[in-house]
Amino acid sequence: MIFKDIAQSMKDKLPFVAYRKPNSNLLNALFQKHPEIHYSNDYSESGFIFAPFDSQNRSVLIPMYASNFVQEELFIEDNKKLKPMFVNSVDTTSKDAHMQLVKKAIEAIDEHQFKKVVISRKEEVSLKRFKCAKVFRQLLQQYPNAFVYVWYHPTIGLWLGASPETLLNVRGQKFETMALAGTQLFNGTTKVVWQQKELDEQQFVTDYIEEKISKIAKRIKKSKVETVKAGSLLHLKTTLKGKFKDQDLTLKALIDALHPTPAVCGLPKEAATHFILENETYVRSFYTGFMGELNIDNPSDKLCYSELYVNLRCMQIKNQMATVYIGGGITKDSDPSAEWEETVAKSTIVKRVLKIKKPLS
């Protein structure tokens, strides 16, 4: 039913979002009844939020009151016969450009402009036979422990992704967030050795988040650092829980404190954000923004809650082109060549759902 509604909404050029939460077999969707663009003013609205990286830009809302909300149990068949949708052709000049930018970031760190910054890039590939529903099914099948989504607005575009990172989970006055950093390939076990660079990066992120939410929350509880699997990658993760100090504090205060997190931006946030906006050669748009349920009533407990995820491992589809976004955290111990290889690994995670052929020579 939902997959048919997705096809119909795209045909009718009507906004929609379909998504599955991590480790769930329930598919959710909101199908907007008209093509108007709605924006969130203060995150007090109810619906699905789609927010950009740059907090100076407005967040798009698919409102509950203007949409049909649908839920259904998910059943995904293994589709091994899906034909390749594009031929992967990496522009080798982007490697040099990315490595030069990483070197510039390391120099800025050495000059004490910031402790960490996340440098990203994009790859654009021509599509041959893109099928939205099939790609969405592939994402759902391959990433059961991620937040998997497809989002569409006729005047903004089509986005798909499988994010491993929670920004916020809020129920009433209680909330939970995470610090996620460090990356290495999964080779059959989560019992791996992490380099000091990754451990330092994880500690930077955790300390920063704890400092920020301490101004808003009380009784903060922090988990031990654990290694978690996201697709074919491993990351370091720390969970932080707390409760609003004051009932007058709003979700907006918490989002403003956390977004963009050090895991996608850097720290201090203001200096890292400035470096990114000044030096990256493209506009991130909704990549490294956040998305998810905003103030939707949970039938099980009748509490108003929000469940938000960072927009990672994502792609934008436009004019028969797929734009894949990837990045990595840079610290004083970063190696430009290794950072490039990390982005290659991350791009492979996203692009494999498109059934890539061998690269062109």
Protein backbone atom coordinates (compact mmCIF):
# COMPACT_ATOMS: atom_id res chain seq x y z
CA MET A 1 0.00 0.00 0.00
CA ILE A 2 2.68 2.53 1.01
CA PHE A 3 4.86 1.70 -1.99
CA LYS A 4 1.89 2.24 -4.30
CA ASP A 5 1.13 5.55 -2.58
CA ILE A 6 4.78 6.59 -3.06
CA ALA A 7 4.50 6.00 -6.80
CA GLN A 8 1.19 7.85 -6.97
CA SER A 9 2.45 10.84 -4.96
CA MET A 10 5.47 11.20 -7.24
CA LYS A 11 3.21 10.98 -10.28
CA ASP A 12 0.90 13.63 -8.80
CA LYS A 13 3.89 15.70 -7.61
CA LEU A 14 2.73 15.74 -4.00
CA PRO A 15 5.10 15.81 -0.98
CA PHE A 16 5.58 12.68 1.08
CA VAL A 17 7.95 10.86 3.39
CA ALA A 18 8.20 7.14 4.12
CA TYR A 19 10.51 5.81 6.81
CA ARG A 20 11.41 2.92 9.07
CA LYS A 21 13.00 3.35 12.46
CA PRO A 22 16.05 1.29 13.49
CA ASN A 23 15.41 -2.38 14.26
CA SER A 24 11.71 -2.09 13.46
CA ASN A 25 9.45 -3.92 11.00
CA LEU A 26 6.96 -1.06 10.84
CA LEU A 27 6.92 1.24 7.82
CA ASN A 28 5.53 4.75 8.40
CA ALA A 29 4.53 7.39 5.87
CA LEU A 30 2.97 10.84 5.59
CA PHE A 31 1.38 11.77 2.27
CA GLN A 32 0.68 15.48 2.01
CA LYS A 33 -2.63 16.39 0.35
CA HIS A 34 -1.38 19.48 -1.51
CA PRO A 35 1.96 20.70 -2.97
CA GLU A 36 2.42 23.70 -0.65
CA ILE A 37 5.72 24.08 1.26
CA HIS A 38 5.35 24.19 5.04
CA TYR A 39 8.13 25.36 7.35
CA SER A 40 8.70 24.89 11.05
CA ASN A 41 8.99 28.05 13.11
CA ASP A 42 10.06 26.67 16.50
CA TYR A 43 9.70 22.85 16.30
CA SER A 44 6.42 22.99 18.20
CA GLU A 45 4.46 21.72 15.20
CA SER A 46 3.42 18.11 14.60
CA GLY A 47 4.62 16.17 11.58
CA PHE A 48 7.86 15.12 9.87
CA ILE A 49 10.71 17.63 9.95
CA PHE A 50 13.45 17.87 7.30
CA ALA A 51 16.10 20.34 8.42
CA PRO A 52 19.23 21.61 6.61
CA PHE A 53 22.82 21.63 7.88
CA ASP A 54 22.92 25.43 8.00
CA SER A 55 20.60 26.41 10.84
CA GLN A 56 20.23 29.86 9.25
CA ASN A 57 18.03 28.19 6.62
CA ARG A 58 14.47 27.07 7.26
CA SER A 59 13.34 23.54 8.14
CA VAL A 60 10.70 21.95 5.92
CA LEU A 61 7.71 20.31 7.58
CA ILE A 62 5.24 17.73 6.29
CA PRO A 63 2.45 18.52 8.77
CA MET A 64 0.19 15.92 10.31
CA TYR A 65 -2.90 18.08 9.83
CA ALA A 66 -2.30 18.38 6.07
CA SER A 67 -1.32 14.75 5.43
CA ASN A 68 -2.51 11.17 5.56
CA PHE A 69 -0.49 9.18 8.10
CA VAL A 70 -0.08 5.50 7.21
CA GLN A 71 1.58 2.57 8.99
CA GLU A 72 1.99 -0.98 7.81
CA GLU A 73 4.08 -4.03 8.60
CA LEU A 74 7.15 -4.26 6.45
CA PHE A 75 8.02 -7.27 4.32
CA ILE A 76 11.04 -7.02 2.06
CA GLU A 77 11.92 -9.66 -0.51
CA ASP A 78 15.54 -10.21 -1.45
CA ASN A 79 15.77 -8.71 -4.93
CA LYS A 80 19.03 -9.97 -6.39
CA LYS A 81 17.97 -9.37 -10.00
CA LEU A 82 17.83 -5.59 -9.78
CA LYS A 83 19.69 -4.23 -12.81
CA PRO A 84 22.46 -1.66 -12.40
CA MET A 85 21.10 1.88 -12.39
CA PHE A 86 24.34 3.67 -13.16
CA VAL A 87 27.99 3.11 -13.94
CA ASN A 88 30.25 4.46 -11.21
CA SER A 89 32.82 6.96 -12.52
CA VAL A 90 34.78 8.71 -9.79
CA ASP A 91 36.39 12.01 -10.78
CA THR A 92 40.01 11.52 -9.71
CA THR A 93 40.60 15.29 -9.45
CA SER A 94 38.23 15.34 -6.46
CA LYS A 95 40.76 13.23 -4.55
CA ASP A 96 43.43 15.93 -4.76
CA ALA A 97 40.93 18.65 -3.93
CA HIS A 98 39.63 16.76 -0.90
CA MET A 99 43.11 15.99 0.40
CA GLN A 100 44.12 19.64 0.03
CA LEU A 101 41.08 20.69 2.02
CA VAL A 102 41.93 18.15 4.74
CA LYS A 103 45.47 19.59 4.89
CA LYS A 104 44.01 23.09 5.24
CA ALA A 105 41.78 21.89 8.07
CA ILE A 106 44.74 20.30 9.89
CA GLU A 107 46.66 23.58 9.57
CA ALA A 108 43.69 25.45 11.07
CA ILE A 109 43.64 22.97 13.97
CA ASP A 110 47.38 23.49 14.50
CA GLU A 111 46.64 27.22 14.63
CA HIS A 112 44.05 26.51 17.38
CA GLN A 113 41.07 27.72 15.35
CA PHE A 114 39.16 24.60 16.44
CA LYS A 115 39.81 21.07 17.76
CA LYS A 116 37.89 19.15 15.11
CA VAL A 117 36.10 19.82 11.85
CA VAL A 118 34.10 17.52 9.58
CA ILE A 119 35.07 17.85 5.92
CA SER A 120 32.70 16.46 3.31
CA ARG A 121 32.42 16.08 -0.42
CA LYS A 122 29.89 14.87 -2.97
CA GLU A 123 29.93 12.53 -5.94
CA GLU A 124 27.59 12.94 -8.88
CA VAL A 125 26.75 9.98 -11.09
CA SER A 126 24.43 9.68 -14.09
CA LEU A 127 21.42 7.43 -13.60
CA LYS A 128 20.27 4.93 -16.17
CA ARG A 129 17.09 3.42 -14.81
CA PHE A 130 16.46 4.84 -11.35
CA LYS A 131 13.45 3.28 -9.62
CA CYS A 132 12.64 5.04 -6.37
CA ALA A 133 10.66 2.21 -4.78
CA LYS A 134 13.34 -0.37 -5.61
CA VAL A 135 16.16 1.71 -4.16
CA PHE A 136 14.11 2.37 -1.03
CA ARG A 137 13.49 -1.38 -0.68
CA GLN A 138 17.22 -2.03 -1.04
CA LEU A 139 17.99 0.48 1.72
CA LEU A 140 15.38 -1.10 3.99
CA GLN A 141 16.76 -4.57 3.35
CA GLN A 142 20.46 -3.79 3.76
CA TYR A 143 20.29 -1.44 6.76
CA PRO A 144 17.94 -2.94 9.40
CA ASN A 145 19.57 -1.02 12.28
CA ALA A 146 19.47 2.39 10.57
CA PHE A 147 16.80 5.06 10.13
CA VAL A 148 15.87 4.50 6.48
CA TYR A 149 13.81 7.06 4.60
CA VAL A 150 12.66 8.46 1.28
CA TRP A 151 11.54 12.12 1.26
CA TYR A 152 10.08 14.10 -1.63
CA HIS A 153 8.84 17.59 -2.31
CA PRO A 154 8.16 18.66 -5.92
CA THR A 155 9.86 22.05 -5.51
CA ILE A 156 12.81 20.79 -3.44
CA GLY A 157 13.62 17.32 -4.69
CA LEU A 158 13.98 13.65 -3.79
CA TRP A 159 16.23 12.39 -0.98
CA LEU A 160 16.92 8.87 0.29
CA GLY A 161 19.17 7.63 3.06
CA ALA A 162 20.00 5.19 5.86
CA SER A 163 21.29 7.09 8.88
CA PRO A 164 23.11 5.40 11.78
CA GLU A 165 22.97 8.44 14.06
CA THR A 166 20.23 9.62 16.41
CA LEU A 167 20.12 13.34 17.09
CA LEU A 168 17.39 13.28 19.74
CA ASN A 169 14.74 11.03 21.22
CA VAL A 170 12.37 13.07 23.39
CA ARG A 171 9.47 11.80 25.47
CA GLY A 172 7.85 14.38 27.69
CA GLN A 173 10.57 15.94 29.84
CA LYS A 174 13.10 13.16 29.20
CA PHE A 175 15.46 12.93 26.26
CA GLU A 176 18.29 10.83 24.86
CA THR A 177 21.04 11.65 22.40
CA MET A 178 24.28 10.06 21.23
CA ALA A 179 27.87 10.84 20.43
CA LEU A 180 28.98 8.96 17.31
CA ALA A 181 32.47 9.18 15.85
CA GLY A 182 35.28 7.09 14.41
CA THR A 183 34.98 4.84 11.38
CA GLN A 184 36.48 1.57 10.22
CA LEU A 185 35.36 -1.27 7.97
CA PHE A 186 33.44 -4.17 9.50
CA ASN A 187 35.34 -7.42 8.99
CA GLY A 188 33.08 -9.89 10.75
CA THR A 189 33.50 -8.72 14.35
CA THR A 190 32.88 -5.64 16.49
CA LYS A 191 35.84 -6.56 18.72
CA VAL A 192 38.36 -4.28 17.05
CA VAL A 193 41.25 -2.03 18.03
CA TRP A 194 40.66 1.70 17.62
CA GLN A 195 43.45 4.15 16.90
CA GLN A 196 44.08 7.07 19.26
CA LYS A 197 42.80 9.49 16.61
CA GLU A 198 39.35 7.84 16.64
CA LEU A 199 39.28 7.56 20.44
CA ASP A 200 40.18 11.24 20.81
CA GLU A 201 37.55 12.22 18.26
CA GLN A 202 34.89 10.25 20.13
CA GLN A 203 35.88 11.87 23.42
CA PHE A 204 35.74 15.34 21.85
CA VAL A 205 32.20 14.72 20.64
CA THR A 206 31.02 13.23 23.95
CA ASP A 207 32.50 16.02 26.08
CA TYR A 208 31.05 18.72 23.84
CA ILE A 209 27.54 17.25 23.88
CA GLU A 210 27.64 16.75 27.64
CA GLU A 211 28.73 20.37 28.13
CA LYS A 212 25.96 21.70 25.89
CA ILE A 213 23.10 19.68 27.38
CA SER A 214 24.26 20.34 30.96
CA LYS A 215 22.89 23.89 30.55
CA ILE A 216 19.48 22.45 29.69
CA ALA A 217 19.32 19.09 31.46
CA LYS A 218 19.64 17.57 34.90
CA ARG A 219 20.59 14.04 35.96
CA ILE A 220 22.67 13.36 32.85
CA LYS A 221 23.62 9.71 32.47
CA LYS A 222 26.39 8.64 30.14
CA SER A 223 26.94 5.12 28.83
CA LYS A 224 30.28 3.44 28.25
CA VAL A 225 31.79 3.79 24.80
CA GLU A 226 30.76 0.89 22.57
CA THR A 227 31.51 -0.22 19.03
CA VAL A 228 28.41 -0.36 16.83
CA LYS A 229 27.85 -1.63 13.31
CA ALA A 230 26.20 0.50 10.60
CA GLY A 231 26.00 -1.36 7.31
CA SER A 232 29.55 -2.48 6.57
CA LEU A 233 31.14 0.17 8.83
CA LEU A 234 31.90 0.36 12.54
CA HIS A 235 31.65 3.45 14.74
CA LEU A 236 32.23 4.43 18.35
CA LYS A 237 29.08 5.37 20.25
CA THR A 238 28.20 6.88 23.62
CA THR A 239 24.59 7.36 24.72
CA LEU A 240 23.64 10.36 26.89
CA LYS A 241 20.31 10.69 28.72
CA GLY A 242 18.83 13.55 30.67
CA LYS A 243 15.76 15.47 31.79
CA PHE A 244 14.86 19.10 31.15
CA LYS A 245 15.81 21.31 34.09
CA ASP A 246 12.75 23.47 33.60
CA GLN A 247 9.34 22.63 32.14
CA ASP A 248 9.46 25.91 30.24
CA LEU A 249 12.46 24.71 28.24
CA THR A 250 11.46 23.63 24.75
CA LEU A 251 12.61 21.19 22.12
CA LYS A 252 14.00 24.16 20.18
CA ALA A 253 16.46 24.94 22.99
CA LEU A 254 17.76 21.39 22.86
CA ILE A 255 18.02 21.31 19.06
CA ASP A 256 19.78 24.68 19.00
CA ALA A 257 22.30 23.37 21.52
CA LEU A 258 23.06 20.17 19.62
CA HIS A 259 22.65 20.90 15.92
CA PRO A 260 24.91 20.63 14.08
CA THR A 261 26.68 18.11 16.31
CA PRO A 262 30.48 17.74 16.41
CA ALA A 263 29.99 14.42 14.58
CA VAL A 264 28.92 16.30 11.43
CA CYS A 265 30.38 19.76 11.99
CA GLY A 266 33.17 20.03 14.55
CA LEU A 267 34.01 21.87 17.73
CA PRO A 268 33.78 24.54 18.78
CA LYS A 269 30.64 24.50 16.64
CA GLU A 270 30.72 28.13 15.55
CA ALA A 271 34.33 28.11 14.32
CA ALA A 272 33.95 24.73 12.59
CA THR A 273 30.72 25.81 10.89
CA HIS A 274 32.39 28.96 9.59
CA PHE A 275 35.30 26.94 8.17
CA ILE A 276 32.92 24.51 6.44
CA LEU A 277 30.76 27.23 4.88
CA GLU A 278 33.84 29.13 3.72
CA ASN A 279 35.90 26.23 2.37
CA GLU A 280 33.73 23.39 1.14
CA THR A 281 33.15 23.81 -2.58
CA TYR A 282 29.42 23.06 -2.50
CA VAL A 283 26.33 23.69 -0.36
CA ARG A 284 25.45 20.75 1.87
CA SER A 285 21.72 21.53 1.80
CA PHE A 286 19.99 18.79 3.84
CA TYR A 287 23.06 16.57 4.12
CA THR A 288 24.16 16.54 7.80
CA GLY A 289 20.91 18.24 8.69
CA PHE A 290 18.32 16.24 10.62
CA MET A 291 14.91 14.67 10.07
CA GLY A 292 12.25 12.66 11.84
CA GLU A 293 9.01 12.67 13.76
CA LEU A 294 8.17 15.95 15.44
CA ASN A 295 5.68 16.01 18.32
CA ILE A 296 3.70 12.99 17.18
CA ASP A 297 1.45 11.28 19.71
CA ASN A 298 2.55 7.78 20.61
CA PRO A 299 -0.59 5.58 20.91
CA SER A 300 1.14 3.32 23.46
CA ASP A 301 1.73 5.96 26.13
CA LYS A 302 -0.15 9.06 24.89
CA LEU A 303 2.94 11.19 25.38
CA CYS A 304 3.93 13.76 22.84
CA TYR A 305 7.38 12.87 21.55
CA SER A 306 9.96 13.60 18.91
CA GLU A 307 12.44 11.19 17.34
CA LEU A 308 15.10 12.89 15.22
CA TYR A 309 18.03 11.53 13.21
CA VAL A 310 21.07 13.10 11.57
CA ASN A 311 20.86 12.98 7.77
CA LEU A 312 23.88 10.80 6.94
CA ARG A 313 24.52 8.06 4.32
CA CYS A 314 22.18 9.88 1.98
CA MET A 315 21.72 10.80 -1.66
CA GLN A 316 19.73 13.37 -3.61
CA ILE A 317 18.11 12.46 -6.92
CA LYS A 318 17.64 15.23 -9.50
CA ASN A 319 17.52 15.38 -13.31
CA GLN A 320 18.68 11.77 -13.77
CA MET A 321 21.62 12.37 -11.44
CA ALA A 322 22.36 10.87 -8.04
CA THR A 323 24.37 13.11 -5.71
CA VAL A 324 25.99 11.09 -2.93
CA TYR A 325 27.30 12.94 0.12
CA ILE A 326 30.15 11.72 2.31
CA GLY A 327 32.51 13.17 4.90
CA GLY A 328 34.81 12.50 7.84
CA GLY A 329 36.05 14.07 11.04
CA ILE A 330 39.42 15.81 10.93
CA THR A 331 41.65 16.17 14.01
CA LYS A 332 45.31 17.05 14.51
CA ASP A 333 46.26 13.39 13.95
CA SER A 334 44.38 13.00 10.65
CA ASP A 335 46.14 11.72 7.55
CA PRO A 336 44.77 13.24 4.29
CA SER A 337 45.17 10.01 2.31
CA ALA A 338 43.42 7.95 4.99
CA GLU A 339 40.63 10.52 5.21
CA TRP A 340 40.08 10.22 1.46
CA GLU A 341 39.89 6.43 1.70
CA GLU A 342 37.34 6.74 4.50
CA THR A 343 35.04 8.80 2.27
CA VAL A 344 35.45 6.22 -0.52
CA ALA A 345 34.36 3.48 1.89
CA LYS A 346 31.35 5.51 3.02
CA SER A 347 30.28 6.32 -0.54
CA THR A 348 30.38 2.63 -1.41
CA ILE A 349 27.93 1.93 1.41
CA VAL A 350 25.37 4.28 -0.10
CA LYS A 351 25.98 3.53 -3.77
CA ARG A 352 25.79 -0.23 -3.55
CA VAL A 353 21.99 -0.06 -3.24
CA LEU A 354 22.05 1.28 -6.80
CA LYS A 355 23.75 -1.94 -7.97
CA ILE A 356 26.93 -0.35 -9.33
CA LYS A 357 28.80 -1.83 -12.24
CA LYS A 358 32.61 -1.84 -12.30
CA PRO A 359 34.16 1.63 -12.56
CA LEU A 360 34.98 3.03 -15.96
CA SER A 361 38.67 2.97 -16.87
